[in-house]
Amino acid sequence: MRKVIVNEFVTLDGTAQAGGGPDEDTSGGFQHGGWHVPYGAEDGMEQLIAEAGGFLLGRRTYEFFAAFWPNAPEAAREFADPMNTKPKHVASRTLTGPLEWQNSSLLSGPLPEAVAALKEERGGDLLVIGSTVLVHSLLQHDLVDELRLLIDPVLVGGGKRVFPEDGALRPLRLVDHEVTETGTIIATYAPA
């Protein structure tokens, strides 16, 4: 059975919005885009992306990636090649198929059943990057097998959160951790 692995860059106060650049996601008036860049902790990302059997993405992340990765600079080829060639499964209530980005398809039917079916397929694990709304749903339906958080030592005071604020108790266990030279904590959790 394949696992669903959520990989998120988050601030110490739990924000996952627009870590990569000032114009990445300004929705809700968010003004601190690019907060992750000074910490540069992509440790293990190349390996995670290379080993992934495919990607599970929400609509906004899909649209952002589909605009960037097919035209990525040469310096980003080690990330761009697997992002462009591996299967991308997109959760959206507003997009219609077929999707233009190579090897991309919309999930059909209710999200819990569609993701459970993907987990039963053969192949490598499914990697979720960004996609905070999707992550909320995956957590609420107990579909996340591993959370890999890159927690940067910065507070931004608001923005989209990686965890749903639904009052549910979700015990986790720490399975791995490290601290980078820039102070980023890379913590991997699994359901307890």
N, C-alpha and C. Protein backbone atom coordinates (compact mmCIF):
# COMPACT_ATOMS: atom_id res chain seq x y z
N MET A 1 0.85 -1.19 0.00
CA MET A 1 0.00 0.00 0.00
C MET A 1 0.89 1.25 0.00
N ARG A 2 0.56 2.17 -0.86
CA ARG A 2 1.32 3.42 -0.93
C ARG A 2 0.94 4.34 0.23
N LYS A 3 1.88 5.18 0.61
CA LYS A 3 1.63 6.16 1.66
C LYS A 3 1.36 7.53 1.04
N VAL A 4 0.62 8.34 1.78
CA VAL A 4 0.47 9.76 1.45
C VAL A 4 1.40 10.50 2.40
N ILE A 5 2.39 11.18 1.82
CA ILE A 5 3.38 11.93 2.59
C ILE A 5 3.16 13.41 2.32
N VAL A 6 2.88 14.17 3.37
CA VAL A 6 2.71 15.61 3.27
C VAL A 6 4.04 16.26 3.62
N ASN A 7 4.58 17.06 2.72
CA ASN A 7 5.83 17.79 2.94
C ASN A 7 5.50 19.28 2.91
N GLU A 8 5.72 19.96 4.01
CA GLU A 8 5.35 21.38 4.10
C GLU A 8 6.46 22.22 4.71
N PHE A 9 6.67 23.38 4.12
CA PHE A 9 7.48 24.43 4.73
C PHE A 9 6.52 25.23 5.60
N VAL A 10 6.82 25.39 6.89
CA VAL A 10 5.94 26.13 7.78
C VAL A 10 6.75 27.08 8.65
N THR A 11 6.10 28.16 9.04
CA THR A 11 6.71 29.09 9.98
C THR A 11 6.51 28.53 11.39
N LEU A 12 7.22 29.07 12.33
CA LEU A 12 7.08 28.62 13.71
C LEU A 12 5.67 28.82 14.23
N ASP A 13 4.95 29.82 13.68
CA ASP A 13 3.56 30.03 14.10
C ASP A 13 2.55 29.31 13.18
N GLY A 14 3.02 28.34 12.39
CA GLY A 14 2.13 27.44 11.67
C GLY A 14 1.66 27.85 10.30
N THR A 15 2.21 28.92 9.73
CA THR A 15 1.78 29.36 8.40
C THR A 15 2.52 28.58 7.32
N ALA A 16 1.80 28.19 6.29
CA ALA A 16 2.40 27.49 5.15
C ALA A 16 2.25 28.30 3.86
N GLN A 17 1.65 29.46 3.93
CA GLN A 17 1.35 30.27 2.75
C GLN A 17 2.59 30.95 2.19
N ALA A 18 2.81 30.79 0.89
CA ALA A 18 3.77 31.59 0.11
C ALA A 18 5.18 31.60 0.65
N GLY A 19 5.70 30.45 1.01
CA GLY A 19 7.07 30.40 1.49
C GLY A 19 8.11 30.68 0.42
N GLY A 20 7.75 30.46 -0.86
CA GLY A 20 8.73 30.54 -1.93
C GLY A 20 8.97 31.89 -2.56
N GLY A 21 8.07 32.84 -2.42
CA GLY A 21 8.28 34.11 -3.09
C GLY A 21 7.19 35.11 -2.77
N PRO A 22 7.49 36.40 -2.96
CA PRO A 22 6.55 37.46 -2.59
C PRO A 22 5.24 37.42 -3.36
N ASP A 23 5.24 36.91 -4.59
CA ASP A 23 4.03 36.88 -5.40
C ASP A 23 3.39 35.50 -5.48
N GLU A 24 3.89 34.56 -4.71
CA GLU A 24 3.41 33.18 -4.78
C GLU A 24 1.93 33.06 -4.43
N ASP A 25 1.52 33.70 -3.33
CA ASP A 25 0.11 33.65 -2.92
C ASP A 25 -0.14 34.84 -1.99
N THR A 26 -0.75 35.87 -2.54
CA THR A 26 -1.03 37.08 -1.75
C THR A 26 -2.48 37.12 -1.28
N SER A 27 -3.21 36.01 -1.47
CA SER A 27 -4.62 36.00 -1.08
C SER A 27 -4.76 36.31 0.40
N GLY A 28 -5.88 36.95 0.72
CA GLY A 28 -6.13 37.35 2.10
C GLY A 28 -5.25 38.50 2.55
N GLY A 29 -4.57 39.16 1.58
CA GLY A 29 -3.69 40.28 1.91
C GLY A 29 -2.35 39.86 2.50
N PHE A 30 -1.97 38.58 2.32
CA PHE A 30 -0.71 38.09 2.88
C PHE A 30 0.48 38.85 2.28
N GLN A 31 1.32 39.41 3.14
CA GLN A 31 2.41 40.29 2.69
C GLN A 31 3.81 39.75 2.96
N HIS A 32 3.92 38.52 3.45
CA HIS A 32 5.24 38.02 3.83
C HIS A 32 5.72 36.88 2.95
N GLY A 33 5.25 36.84 1.70
CA GLY A 33 5.68 35.79 0.78
C GLY A 33 7.19 35.76 0.64
N GLY A 34 7.72 34.56 0.59
CA GLY A 34 9.16 34.37 0.47
C GLY A 34 9.85 34.16 1.81
N TRP A 35 9.09 34.02 2.89
CA TRP A 35 9.66 33.88 4.23
C TRP A 35 10.58 32.67 4.35
N HIS A 36 10.38 31.64 3.54
CA HIS A 36 11.21 30.43 3.64
C HIS A 36 12.59 30.59 2.99
N VAL A 37 12.69 31.45 1.99
CA VAL A 37 13.90 31.55 1.17
C VAL A 37 15.19 31.74 1.99
N PRO A 38 15.24 32.60 3.01
CA PRO A 38 16.50 32.77 3.75
C PRO A 38 16.98 31.51 4.47
N TYR A 39 16.08 30.55 4.69
CA TYR A 39 16.45 29.36 5.44
C TYR A 39 16.89 28.22 4.54
N GLY A 40 16.50 28.25 3.28
CA GLY A 40 16.98 27.34 2.25
C GLY A 40 17.08 25.87 2.61
N ALA A 41 16.25 25.38 3.46
CA ALA A 41 16.34 23.98 3.89
C ALA A 41 15.54 23.07 2.98
N GLU A 42 16.07 22.79 1.81
CA GLU A 42 15.43 21.85 0.91
C GLU A 42 15.99 20.45 1.15
N ASP A 43 16.62 20.25 2.31
CA ASP A 43 17.24 18.98 2.64
C ASP A 43 16.28 17.82 2.39
N GLY A 44 16.69 16.89 1.58
CA GLY A 44 15.90 15.71 1.34
C GLY A 44 14.81 15.87 0.30
N MET A 45 14.53 17.10 -0.13
CA MET A 45 13.45 17.32 -1.10
C MET A 45 13.75 16.62 -2.43
N GLU A 46 14.99 16.72 -2.90
CA GLU A 46 15.34 16.10 -4.16
C GLU A 46 15.09 14.59 -4.10
N GLN A 47 15.48 13.97 -2.99
CA GLN A 47 15.27 12.54 -2.82
C GLN A 47 13.78 12.20 -2.72
N LEU A 48 13.02 12.99 -1.93
CA LEU A 48 11.58 12.75 -1.81
C LEU A 48 10.89 12.83 -3.17
N ILE A 49 11.24 13.85 -3.93
CA ILE A 49 10.62 14.03 -5.25
C ILE A 49 11.04 12.91 -6.19
N ALA A 50 12.33 12.53 -6.15
CA ALA A 50 12.82 11.46 -7.02
C ALA A 50 12.16 10.12 -6.70
N GLU A 51 11.92 9.85 -5.41
CA GLU A 51 11.36 8.56 -5.00
C GLU A 51 9.83 8.52 -5.08
N ALA A 52 9.19 9.66 -5.18
CA ALA A 52 7.72 9.70 -5.19
C ALA A 52 7.17 8.94 -6.38
N GLY A 53 6.06 8.25 -6.13
CA GLY A 53 5.37 7.57 -7.22
C GLY A 53 4.46 8.53 -7.98
N GLY A 54 4.22 9.68 -7.38
CA GLY A 54 3.38 10.70 -7.98
C GLY A 54 3.09 11.78 -6.96
N PHE A 55 2.33 12.76 -7.38
CA PHE A 55 2.03 13.91 -6.53
C PHE A 55 0.53 14.07 -6.38
N LEU A 56 0.14 14.48 -5.20
CA LEU A 56 -1.26 14.76 -4.90
C LEU A 56 -1.31 16.26 -4.62
N LEU A 57 -2.04 17.01 -5.44
CA LEU A 57 -2.02 18.47 -5.37
C LEU A 57 -3.42 19.05 -5.32
N GLY A 58 -3.54 20.16 -4.60
CA GLY A 58 -4.76 20.95 -4.65
C GLY A 58 -4.73 21.85 -5.87
N ARG A 59 -5.85 22.46 -6.17
CA ARG A 59 -5.97 23.27 -7.39
C ARG A 59 -4.96 24.41 -7.46
N ARG A 60 -4.86 25.22 -6.40
CA ARG A 60 -3.96 26.38 -6.45
C ARG A 60 -2.51 25.96 -6.62
N THR A 61 -2.09 24.95 -5.89
CA THR A 61 -0.71 24.49 -6.03
C THR A 61 -0.49 23.91 -7.42
N TYR A 62 -1.46 23.16 -7.92
CA TYR A 62 -1.36 22.62 -9.27
C TYR A 62 -1.17 23.75 -10.29
N GLU A 63 -2.00 24.78 -10.21
CA GLU A 63 -1.91 25.88 -11.18
C GLU A 63 -0.56 26.59 -11.08
N PHE A 64 -0.07 26.80 -9.87
CA PHE A 64 1.22 27.45 -9.67
C PHE A 64 2.34 26.58 -10.25
N PHE A 65 2.33 25.29 -9.93
CA PHE A 65 3.36 24.37 -10.42
C PHE A 65 3.29 24.21 -11.93
N ALA A 66 2.06 24.09 -12.49
CA ALA A 66 1.90 23.90 -13.93
C ALA A 66 2.42 25.10 -14.72
N ALA A 67 2.38 26.27 -14.11
CA ALA A 67 2.92 27.47 -14.78
C ALA A 67 4.44 27.55 -14.64
N PHE A 68 4.99 26.96 -13.58
CA PHE A 68 6.43 27.10 -13.32
C PHE A 68 7.28 25.94 -13.84
N TRP A 69 6.96 24.70 -13.46
CA TRP A 69 7.86 23.57 -13.70
C TRP A 69 8.12 23.26 -15.17
N PRO A 70 7.15 23.34 -16.08
CA PRO A 70 7.48 23.05 -17.48
C PRO A 70 8.49 24.02 -18.08
N ASN A 71 8.62 25.21 -17.48
CA ASN A 71 9.55 26.23 -17.99
C ASN A 71 10.63 26.56 -16.97
N ALA A 72 10.90 25.64 -16.04
CA ALA A 72 11.86 25.90 -14.97
C ALA A 72 13.26 26.14 -15.52
N PRO A 73 14.05 26.97 -14.83
CA PRO A 73 15.42 27.22 -15.28
C PRO A 73 16.27 25.95 -15.20
N GLU A 74 17.31 25.93 -15.98
CA GLU A 74 18.21 24.77 -16.04
C GLU A 74 18.73 24.37 -14.66
N ALA A 75 18.96 25.33 -13.79
CA ALA A 75 19.47 25.06 -12.45
C ALA A 75 18.49 24.23 -11.61
N ALA A 76 17.24 24.18 -12.01
CA ALA A 76 16.22 23.45 -11.26
C ALA A 76 15.85 22.12 -11.92
N ARG A 77 16.65 21.64 -12.86
CA ARG A 77 16.30 20.43 -13.61
C ARG A 77 16.10 19.21 -12.72
N GLU A 78 16.92 19.06 -11.65
CA GLU A 78 16.78 17.86 -10.81
C GLU A 78 15.42 17.80 -10.13
N PHE A 79 14.78 18.97 -9.95
CA PHE A 79 13.42 19.01 -9.43
C PHE A 79 12.41 18.99 -10.57
N ALA A 80 12.70 19.73 -11.62
CA ALA A 80 11.75 19.90 -12.72
C ALA A 80 11.46 18.60 -13.46
N ASP A 81 12.49 17.81 -13.72
CA ASP A 81 12.26 16.59 -14.50
C ASP A 81 11.25 15.65 -13.84
N PRO A 82 11.43 15.28 -12.57
CA PRO A 82 10.41 14.41 -11.98
C PRO A 82 9.05 15.12 -11.80
N MET A 83 9.07 16.42 -11.50
CA MET A 83 7.79 17.14 -11.36
C MET A 83 7.02 17.10 -12.67
N ASN A 84 7.71 17.22 -13.78
CA ASN A 84 7.05 17.24 -15.08
C ASN A 84 6.63 15.86 -15.58
N THR A 85 7.38 14.82 -15.22
CA THR A 85 7.12 13.51 -15.82
C THR A 85 6.28 12.57 -14.96
N LYS A 86 6.31 12.74 -13.65
CA LYS A 86 5.56 11.82 -12.78
C LYS A 86 4.07 12.18 -12.75
N PRO A 87 3.22 11.20 -12.40
CA PRO A 87 1.78 11.47 -12.33
C PRO A 87 1.44 12.52 -11.28
N LYS A 88 0.51 13.39 -11.66
CA LYS A 88 0.00 14.41 -10.75
C LYS A 88 -1.51 14.24 -10.65
N HIS A 89 -1.98 13.99 -9.43
CA HIS A 89 -3.39 13.79 -9.16
C HIS A 89 -3.90 15.06 -8.49
N VAL A 90 -4.89 15.68 -9.09
CA VAL A 90 -5.32 17.01 -8.66
C VAL A 90 -6.73 16.95 -8.06
N ALA A 91 -6.83 17.48 -6.84
CA ALA A 91 -8.13 17.59 -6.17
C ALA A 91 -8.68 18.98 -6.44
N SER A 92 -9.82 19.04 -7.10
CA SER A 92 -10.42 20.33 -7.42
C SER A 92 -11.91 20.17 -7.66
N ARG A 93 -12.66 21.16 -7.20
CA ARG A 93 -14.09 21.20 -7.50
C ARG A 93 -14.38 22.16 -8.65
N THR A 94 -13.35 22.88 -9.13
CA THR A 94 -13.59 23.89 -10.16
C THR A 94 -12.88 23.60 -11.48
N LEU A 95 -11.79 22.87 -11.48
CA LEU A 95 -11.10 22.56 -12.73
C LEU A 95 -11.88 21.49 -13.49
N THR A 96 -11.75 21.53 -14.81
CA THR A 96 -12.32 20.47 -15.65
C THR A 96 -11.19 19.90 -16.49
N GLY A 97 -11.30 18.65 -16.83
CA GLY A 97 -10.25 17.98 -17.60
C GLY A 97 -10.49 18.13 -19.08
N PRO A 98 -9.55 17.74 -19.88
CA PRO A 98 -8.26 17.23 -19.45
C PRO A 98 -7.33 18.38 -19.03
N LEU A 99 -6.42 18.06 -18.11
CA LEU A 99 -5.46 19.06 -17.64
C LEU A 99 -4.27 19.11 -18.60
N GLU A 100 -3.73 20.29 -18.78
CA GLU A 100 -2.68 20.49 -19.79
C GLU A 100 -1.29 20.02 -19.36
N TRP A 101 -0.96 20.13 -18.09
CA TRP A 101 0.39 19.77 -17.65
C TRP A 101 0.57 18.25 -17.79
N GLN A 102 1.65 17.86 -18.39
CA GLN A 102 1.98 16.46 -18.67
C GLN A 102 1.68 15.55 -17.47
N ASN A 103 1.01 14.43 -17.72
CA ASN A 103 0.71 13.40 -16.72
C ASN A 103 -0.13 13.91 -15.54
N SER A 104 -1.00 14.85 -15.79
CA SER A 104 -1.89 15.38 -14.75
C SER A 104 -3.32 14.93 -14.99
N SER A 105 -4.00 14.58 -13.90
CA SER A 105 -5.40 14.18 -14.01
C SER A 105 -6.15 14.63 -12.77
N LEU A 106 -7.45 14.87 -12.96
CA LEU A 106 -8.32 15.25 -11.85
C LEU A 106 -8.76 14.00 -11.10
N LEU A 107 -8.83 14.10 -9.78
CA LEU A 107 -9.42 13.03 -8.99
C LEU A 107 -10.91 13.03 -9.26
N SER A 108 -11.49 11.85 -9.36
CA SER A 108 -12.93 11.81 -9.59
C SER A 108 -13.63 11.23 -8.37
N GLY A 109 -14.82 11.72 -8.12
CA GLY A 109 -15.60 11.26 -6.99
C GLY A 109 -15.18 11.95 -5.70
N PRO A 110 -15.76 11.54 -4.59
CA PRO A 110 -15.43 12.14 -3.30
C PRO A 110 -13.94 11.94 -2.96
N LEU A 111 -13.33 12.96 -2.38
CA LEU A 111 -11.90 12.93 -2.07
C LEU A 111 -11.48 11.71 -1.25
N PRO A 112 -12.17 11.38 -0.15
CA PRO A 112 -11.69 10.24 0.65
C PRO A 112 -11.60 8.94 -0.15
N GLU A 113 -12.61 8.67 -0.96
CA GLU A 113 -12.61 7.44 -1.75
C GLU A 113 -11.56 7.49 -2.85
N ALA A 114 -11.39 8.64 -3.50
CA ALA A 114 -10.42 8.77 -4.58
C ALA A 114 -8.99 8.58 -4.06
N VAL A 115 -8.69 9.18 -2.92
CA VAL A 115 -7.33 9.05 -2.36
C VAL A 115 -7.11 7.64 -1.82
N ALA A 116 -8.11 7.07 -1.18
CA ALA A 116 -7.98 5.70 -0.69
C ALA A 116 -7.70 4.75 -1.86
N ALA A 117 -8.35 4.96 -3.00
CA ALA A 117 -8.11 4.12 -4.18
C ALA A 117 -6.69 4.31 -4.70
N LEU A 118 -6.19 5.55 -4.72
CA LEU A 118 -4.81 5.80 -5.16
C LEU A 118 -3.81 5.09 -4.25
N LYS A 119 -4.10 5.09 -2.95
CA LYS A 119 -3.20 4.43 -2.00
C LYS A 119 -3.13 2.93 -2.22
N GLU A 120 -4.18 2.36 -2.77
CA GLU A 120 -4.22 0.92 -3.04
C GLU A 120 -3.48 0.53 -4.32
N GLU A 121 -3.22 1.51 -5.19
CA GLU A 121 -2.54 1.21 -6.45
C GLU A 121 -1.08 0.87 -6.19
N ARG A 122 -0.48 0.22 -7.16
CA ARG A 122 0.94 -0.10 -7.08
C ARG A 122 1.74 1.15 -7.41
N GLY A 123 2.97 1.20 -6.88
CA GLY A 123 3.84 2.33 -7.18
C GLY A 123 4.35 2.98 -5.92
N GLY A 124 5.17 3.99 -6.13
CA GLY A 124 5.76 4.71 -5.00
C GLY A 124 4.74 5.57 -4.27
N ASP A 125 5.19 6.10 -3.16
CA ASP A 125 4.33 6.92 -2.31
C ASP A 125 3.87 8.19 -3.03
N LEU A 126 2.77 8.75 -2.55
CA LEU A 126 2.20 9.99 -3.11
C LEU A 126 2.66 11.16 -2.25
N LEU A 127 3.25 12.14 -2.86
CA LEU A 127 3.80 13.30 -2.16
C LEU A 127 2.89 14.50 -2.33
N VAL A 128 2.53 15.12 -1.20
CA VAL A 128 1.74 16.34 -1.20
C VAL A 128 2.68 17.49 -0.86
N ILE A 129 2.69 18.51 -1.70
CA ILE A 129 3.50 19.70 -1.47
C ILE A 129 2.53 20.88 -1.49
N GLY A 130 2.67 21.79 -0.51
CA GLY A 130 1.75 22.93 -0.47
C GLY A 130 0.34 22.44 -0.25
N SER A 131 -0.61 22.98 -1.00
CA SER A 131 -1.98 22.46 -1.03
C SER A 131 -2.64 22.43 0.35
N THR A 132 -2.63 23.55 1.06
CA THR A 132 -3.12 23.56 2.44
C THR A 132 -4.58 23.12 2.58
N VAL A 133 -5.44 23.51 1.64
CA VAL A 133 -6.85 23.11 1.72
C VAL A 133 -6.96 21.59 1.57
N LEU A 134 -6.21 21.03 0.64
CA LEU A 134 -6.19 19.59 0.45
C LEU A 134 -5.65 18.90 1.70
N VAL A 135 -4.57 19.43 2.28
CA VAL A 135 -3.99 18.84 3.49
C VAL A 135 -5.01 18.81 4.62
N HIS A 136 -5.78 19.88 4.77
CA HIS A 136 -6.84 19.90 5.78
C HIS A 136 -7.78 18.71 5.58
N SER A 137 -8.24 18.51 4.35
CA SER A 137 -9.17 17.42 4.06
C SER A 137 -8.52 16.05 4.29
N LEU A 138 -7.29 15.90 3.86
CA LEU A 138 -6.60 14.62 4.05
C LEU A 138 -6.46 14.29 5.53
N LEU A 139 -6.11 15.29 6.34
CA LEU A 139 -5.99 15.06 7.78
C LEU A 139 -7.35 14.74 8.40
N GLN A 140 -8.38 15.46 7.99
CA GLN A 140 -9.72 15.23 8.55
C GLN A 140 -10.25 13.84 8.23
N HIS A 141 -9.77 13.24 7.14
CA HIS A 141 -10.23 11.91 6.73
C HIS A 141 -9.19 10.83 7.05
N ASP A 142 -8.20 11.16 7.88
CA ASP A 142 -7.16 10.20 8.30
C ASP A 142 -6.46 9.54 7.12
N LEU A 143 -6.14 10.33 6.10
CA LEU A 143 -5.50 9.80 4.90
C LEU A 143 -4.00 10.12 4.83
N VAL A 144 -3.47 10.83 5.84
CA VAL A 144 -2.05 11.19 5.85
C VAL A 144 -1.29 10.12 6.63
N ASP A 145 -0.27 9.56 5.99
CA ASP A 145 0.55 8.53 6.63
C ASP A 145 1.83 9.11 7.23
N GLU A 146 2.23 10.27 6.72
CA GLU A 146 3.47 10.88 7.22
C GLU A 146 3.41 12.39 6.97
N LEU A 147 3.82 13.14 7.99
CA LEU A 147 3.93 14.60 7.89
C LEU A 147 5.40 14.95 8.02
N ARG A 148 5.95 15.59 7.00
CA ARG A 148 7.35 16.05 7.05
C ARG A 148 7.29 17.56 7.04
N LEU A 149 7.60 18.15 8.20
CA LEU A 149 7.50 19.60 8.37
C LEU A 149 8.89 20.20 8.42
N LEU A 150 9.12 21.22 7.62
CA LEU A 150 10.35 22.00 7.67
C LEU A 150 9.96 23.31 8.34
N ILE A 151 10.25 23.41 9.63
CA ILE A 151 9.78 24.50 10.47
C ILE A 151 10.86 25.57 10.56
N ASP A 152 10.60 26.71 9.91
CA ASP A 152 11.57 27.80 9.89
C ASP A 152 11.41 28.69 11.12
N PRO A 153 12.53 29.21 11.65
CA PRO A 153 12.48 30.06 12.84
C PRO A 153 12.05 31.49 12.51
N VAL A 154 10.79 31.62 12.12
CA VAL A 154 10.26 32.93 11.77
C VAL A 154 8.77 32.94 12.10
N LEU A 155 8.28 34.08 12.54
CA LEU A 155 6.85 34.29 12.80
C LEU A 155 6.33 35.28 11.77
N VAL A 156 5.17 34.98 11.18
CA VAL A 156 4.60 35.89 10.19
C VAL A 156 3.24 36.44 10.61
N GLY A 157 2.70 35.97 11.71
CA GLY A 157 1.50 36.56 12.29
C GLY A 157 0.19 36.31 11.58
N GLY A 158 0.16 35.41 10.64
CA GLY A 158 -1.09 35.12 9.94
C GLY A 158 -0.81 34.39 8.65
N GLY A 159 -1.84 34.17 7.88
CA GLY A 159 -1.71 33.43 6.62
C GLY A 159 -2.34 32.06 6.73
N LYS A 160 -2.30 31.34 5.63
CA LYS A 160 -2.92 30.02 5.57
C LYS A 160 -2.13 29.03 6.42
N ARG A 161 -2.86 28.29 7.21
CA ARG A 161 -2.27 27.31 8.12
C ARG A 161 -2.28 25.93 7.49
N VAL A 162 -1.33 25.13 7.90
CA VAL A 162 -1.23 23.78 7.36
C VAL A 162 -2.20 22.83 8.06
N PHE A 163 -2.60 23.14 9.30
CA PHE A 163 -3.48 22.23 10.04
C PHE A 163 -4.89 22.80 10.14
N PRO A 164 -5.89 21.92 10.02
CA PRO A 164 -7.28 22.39 10.14
C PRO A 164 -7.57 22.83 11.58
N GLU A 165 -8.36 23.86 11.70
CA GLU A 165 -8.78 24.33 13.02
C GLU A 165 -10.19 23.81 13.28
N ASP A 166 -10.27 22.47 13.46
CA ASP A 166 -11.57 21.83 13.59
C ASP A 166 -11.81 21.23 14.97
N GLY A 167 -10.91 21.47 15.90
CA GLY A 167 -11.09 20.98 17.26
C GLY A 167 -10.79 19.51 17.45
N ALA A 168 -10.35 18.80 16.41
CA ALA A 168 -10.08 17.37 16.51
C ALA A 168 -8.70 17.12 17.12
N LEU A 169 -8.60 16.08 17.93
CA LEU A 169 -7.35 15.64 18.52
C LEU A 169 -6.74 14.59 17.59
N ARG A 170 -5.50 14.81 17.16
CA ARG A 170 -4.82 13.90 16.25
C ARG A 170 -3.42 13.61 16.79
N PRO A 171 -3.27 12.60 17.64
CA PRO A 171 -1.94 12.30 18.20
C PRO A 171 -0.97 11.84 17.10
N LEU A 172 0.26 12.30 17.20
CA LEU A 172 1.32 11.94 16.26
C LEU A 172 2.51 11.40 17.03
N ARG A 173 3.39 10.70 16.31
CA ARG A 173 4.66 10.28 16.92
C ARG A 173 5.80 10.74 16.02
N LEU A 174 6.85 11.22 16.66
CA LEU A 174 8.03 11.69 15.93
C LEU A 174 8.82 10.48 15.43
N VAL A 175 9.08 10.42 14.12
CA VAL A 175 9.83 9.30 13.57
C VAL A 175 11.23 9.70 13.09
N ASP A 176 11.44 11.00 12.91
CA ASP A 176 12.77 11.47 12.50
C ASP A 176 12.84 12.97 12.73
N HIS A 177 14.06 13.47 12.92
CA HIS A 177 14.23 14.92 13.09
C HIS A 177 15.68 15.32 12.83
N GLU A 178 15.84 16.57 12.46
CA GLU A 178 17.17 17.15 12.32
C GLU A 178 17.03 18.67 12.38
N VAL A 179 18.13 19.34 12.67
CA VAL A 179 18.16 20.79 12.68
C VAL A 179 19.23 21.23 11.69
N THR A 180 18.86 22.15 10.80
CA THR A 180 19.82 22.62 9.80
C THR A 180 20.67 23.75 10.37
N GLU A 181 21.68 24.13 9.63
CA GLU A 181 22.57 25.22 10.05
C GLU A 181 21.84 26.55 10.17
N THR A 182 20.74 26.71 9.43
CA THR A 182 20.00 27.97 9.49
C THR A 182 18.93 27.97 10.59
N GLY A 183 18.83 26.87 11.33
CA GLY A 183 17.87 26.80 12.41
C GLY A 183 16.53 26.19 12.05
N THR A 184 16.38 25.70 10.83
CA THR A 184 15.15 25.03 10.43
C THR A 184 15.12 23.65 11.06
N ILE A 185 14.01 23.31 11.66
CA ILE A 185 13.80 21.97 12.22
C ILE A 185 13.05 21.15 11.18
N ILE A 186 13.62 20.03 10.80
CA ILE A 186 12.94 19.10 9.89
C ILE A 186 12.44 17.96 10.76
N ALA A 187 11.13 17.92 10.93
CA ALA A 187 10.51 16.92 11.80
C ALA A 187 9.53 16.08 11.00
N THR A 188 9.68 14.76 11.12
CA THR A 188 8.79 13.83 10.42
C THR A 188 7.94 13.11 11.45
N TYR A 189 6.63 13.14 11.23
CA TYR A 189 5.67 12.54 12.15
C TYR A 189 4.81 11.53 11.40
N ALA A 190 4.31 10.56 12.15
CA ALA A 190 3.33 9.61 11.65
C ALA A 190 2.20 9.56 12.66
N PRO A 191 1.01 9.13 12.23
CA PRO A 191 -0.08 9.01 13.20
C PRO A 191 0.34 8.07 14.34
N ALA A 192 -0.04 8.43 15.55
CA ALA A 192 0.34 7.61 16.73
C ALA A 192 -0.47 6.33 16.77
